[in-house]
């Protein structure tokens, strides 16, 4: 079983004077179709990021792309020892989908 993972960015916190983005609000969604049934799981969060407006590789707010921010979020999550890494988040969502697809318990009546 292998879900498709989609990262989305909902908003960015920035310093108006420099265009420096310092927090990214993200959502990660997993989707997998198993035996004709679509299963989903998702999580969301905010990740602080840092940068230097005087750096030669600085990207100002008006020039930032969604792909830039997703790369920054993943890098920040992977470098943060206190929170789950991007691969751990994806593994957790995959586990949720697997549980939905093959439940250990059920409720109902046999008639």
Protein backbone atom coordinates (compact mmCIF):
# COMPACT_ATOMS: atom_id res chain seq x y z
CA UNK A 1 0.00 0.00 0.00
CA UNK A 2 1.32 3.41 -0.94
CA UNK A 3 -0.55 6.65 -0.58
CA UNK A 4 -0.03 9.77 -2.65
CA UNK A 5 1.09 12.67 -0.44
CA UNK A 6 0.28 16.29 -1.19
CA UNK A 7 1.79 19.21 0.70
CA UNK A 8 -0.17 22.46 0.66
CA UNK A 9 0.65 25.90 2.05
CA UNK A 10 -2.21 27.87 3.56
CA UNK A 11 -0.48 31.06 4.64
CA UNK A 12 2.87 32.67 5.33
CA UNK A 13 3.85 34.98 8.19
CA UNK A 14 6.38 37.59 7.09
CA UNK A 15 8.16 40.73 8.10
CA UNK A 16 6.70 43.47 5.92
CA UNK A 17 9.84 45.62 5.87
CA UNK A 18 12.19 42.92 4.53
CA UNK A 19 9.84 40.36 2.99
CA UNK A 20 11.40 37.69 5.23
CA UNK A 21 9.08 34.74 5.76
CA UNK A 22 9.38 33.43 9.30
CA UNK A 23 6.46 30.99 9.66
CA UNK A 24 4.78 28.68 7.18
CA UNK A 25 1.32 27.22 7.81
CA UNK A 26 1.09 23.86 6.03
CA UNK A 27 -1.17 20.85 5.48
CA UNK A 28 -0.16 17.34 4.40
CA UNK A 29 -2.79 15.10 2.81
CA UNK A 30 -2.52 11.41 1.94
CA UNK A 31 -4.85 9.64 -0.48
CA UNK A 32 -4.91 6.00 -1.49
CA UNK A 33 -7.47 3.91 -3.37
CA UNK A 34 -7.66 0.32 -2.15
CA UNK A 35 -10.08 -2.14 -3.76
CA UNK A 36 -12.05 0.74 -5.27
CA UNK A 37 -12.42 2.70 -2.03
CA UNK A 38 -10.58 5.99 -1.53
CA UNK A 39 -9.02 6.51 1.90
CA UNK A 40 -7.64 9.82 3.15
CA UNK A 41 -5.71 11.13 6.12
CA UNK A 42 -4.24 14.55 6.82
CA UNK A 43 -2.35 16.64 9.29
CA UNK A 44 -1.46 20.29 9.53
CA UNK A 45 0.83 22.59 11.40
CA UNK A 46 2.97 25.71 11.44
CA UNK A 47 6.71 25.68 11.07
CA UNK A 48 9.06 28.50 11.92
CA UNK A 49 11.76 29.14 9.33
CA UNK A 50 14.69 31.49 9.24
CA UNK A 51 16.51 33.42 6.58
CA UNK A 52 18.76 36.38 6.01
CA UNK A 53 17.49 39.20 3.77
CA UNK A 54 21.10 40.23 3.04
CA UNK A 55 22.04 36.74 1.79
CA UNK A 56 22.66 36.32 -1.95
CA UNK A 57 20.22 33.39 -2.11
CA UNK A 58 17.43 35.22 -0.24
CA UNK A 59 14.05 35.03 -1.97
CA UNK A 60 11.78 37.97 -1.16
CA UNK A 61 8.13 37.35 -0.39
CA UNK A 62 6.91 38.58 -3.79
CA UNK A 63 9.15 36.05 -5.57
CA UNK A 64 8.56 32.99 -3.38
CA UNK A 65 6.84 29.99 -4.95
CA UNK A 66 4.76 27.27 -3.34
CA UNK A 67 7.57 24.81 -4.15
CA UNK A 68 10.08 27.03 -2.30
CA UNK A 69 7.94 27.01 0.83
CA UNK A 70 7.31 23.26 0.73
CA UNK A 71 11.06 22.68 0.45
CA UNK A 72 11.66 25.00 3.42
CA UNK A 73 8.98 23.32 5.55
CA UNK A 74 10.36 19.84 4.90
CA UNK A 75 13.92 20.96 5.62
CA UNK A 76 12.88 22.67 8.85
CA UNK A 77 10.83 19.67 10.00
CA UNK A 78 13.70 17.29 9.20
CA UNK A 79 16.16 19.46 11.15
CA UNK A 80 13.90 19.84 14.20
CA UNK A 81 14.59 17.12 16.77
CA UNK A 82 11.50 18.02 18.84
CA UNK A 83 8.90 17.34 16.13
CA UNK A 84 8.22 14.63 13.58
CA UNK A 85 10.21 14.77 10.36
CA UNK A 86 8.46 15.03 7.00
CA UNK A 87 8.99 11.30 6.37
CA UNK A 88 7.63 10.45 9.84
CA UNK A 89 4.51 12.53 9.13
CA UNK A 90 4.01 10.70 5.84
CA UNK A 91 4.53 7.33 7.56
CA UNK A 92 1.96 8.27 10.21
CA UNK A 93 -0.62 9.19 7.58
CA UNK A 94 0.07 5.95 5.71
CA UNK A 95 -0.50 4.05 8.96
CA UNK A 96 -3.85 5.83 9.43
CA UNK A 97 -4.93 4.86 5.93
CA UNK A 98 -3.85 1.26 6.46
CA UNK A 99 -5.95 1.10 9.65
CA UNK A 100 -8.98 2.48 7.81
CA UNK A 101 -8.55 -0.02 4.98
CA UNK A 102 -8.07 -3.02 7.28
CA UNK A 103 -9.89 -2.24 10.54
CA UNK A 104 -9.29 -4.43 13.58
CA UNK A 105 -12.75 -3.70 15.03
CA UNK A 106 -16.19 -3.12 13.61
CA UNK A 107 -19.60 -2.10 14.93
CA UNK A 108 -22.92 -3.45 13.79
CA UNK A 109 -25.23 -6.41 13.92
CA UNK A 110 -25.16 -9.58 11.82
CA UNK A 111 -28.74 -9.24 10.49
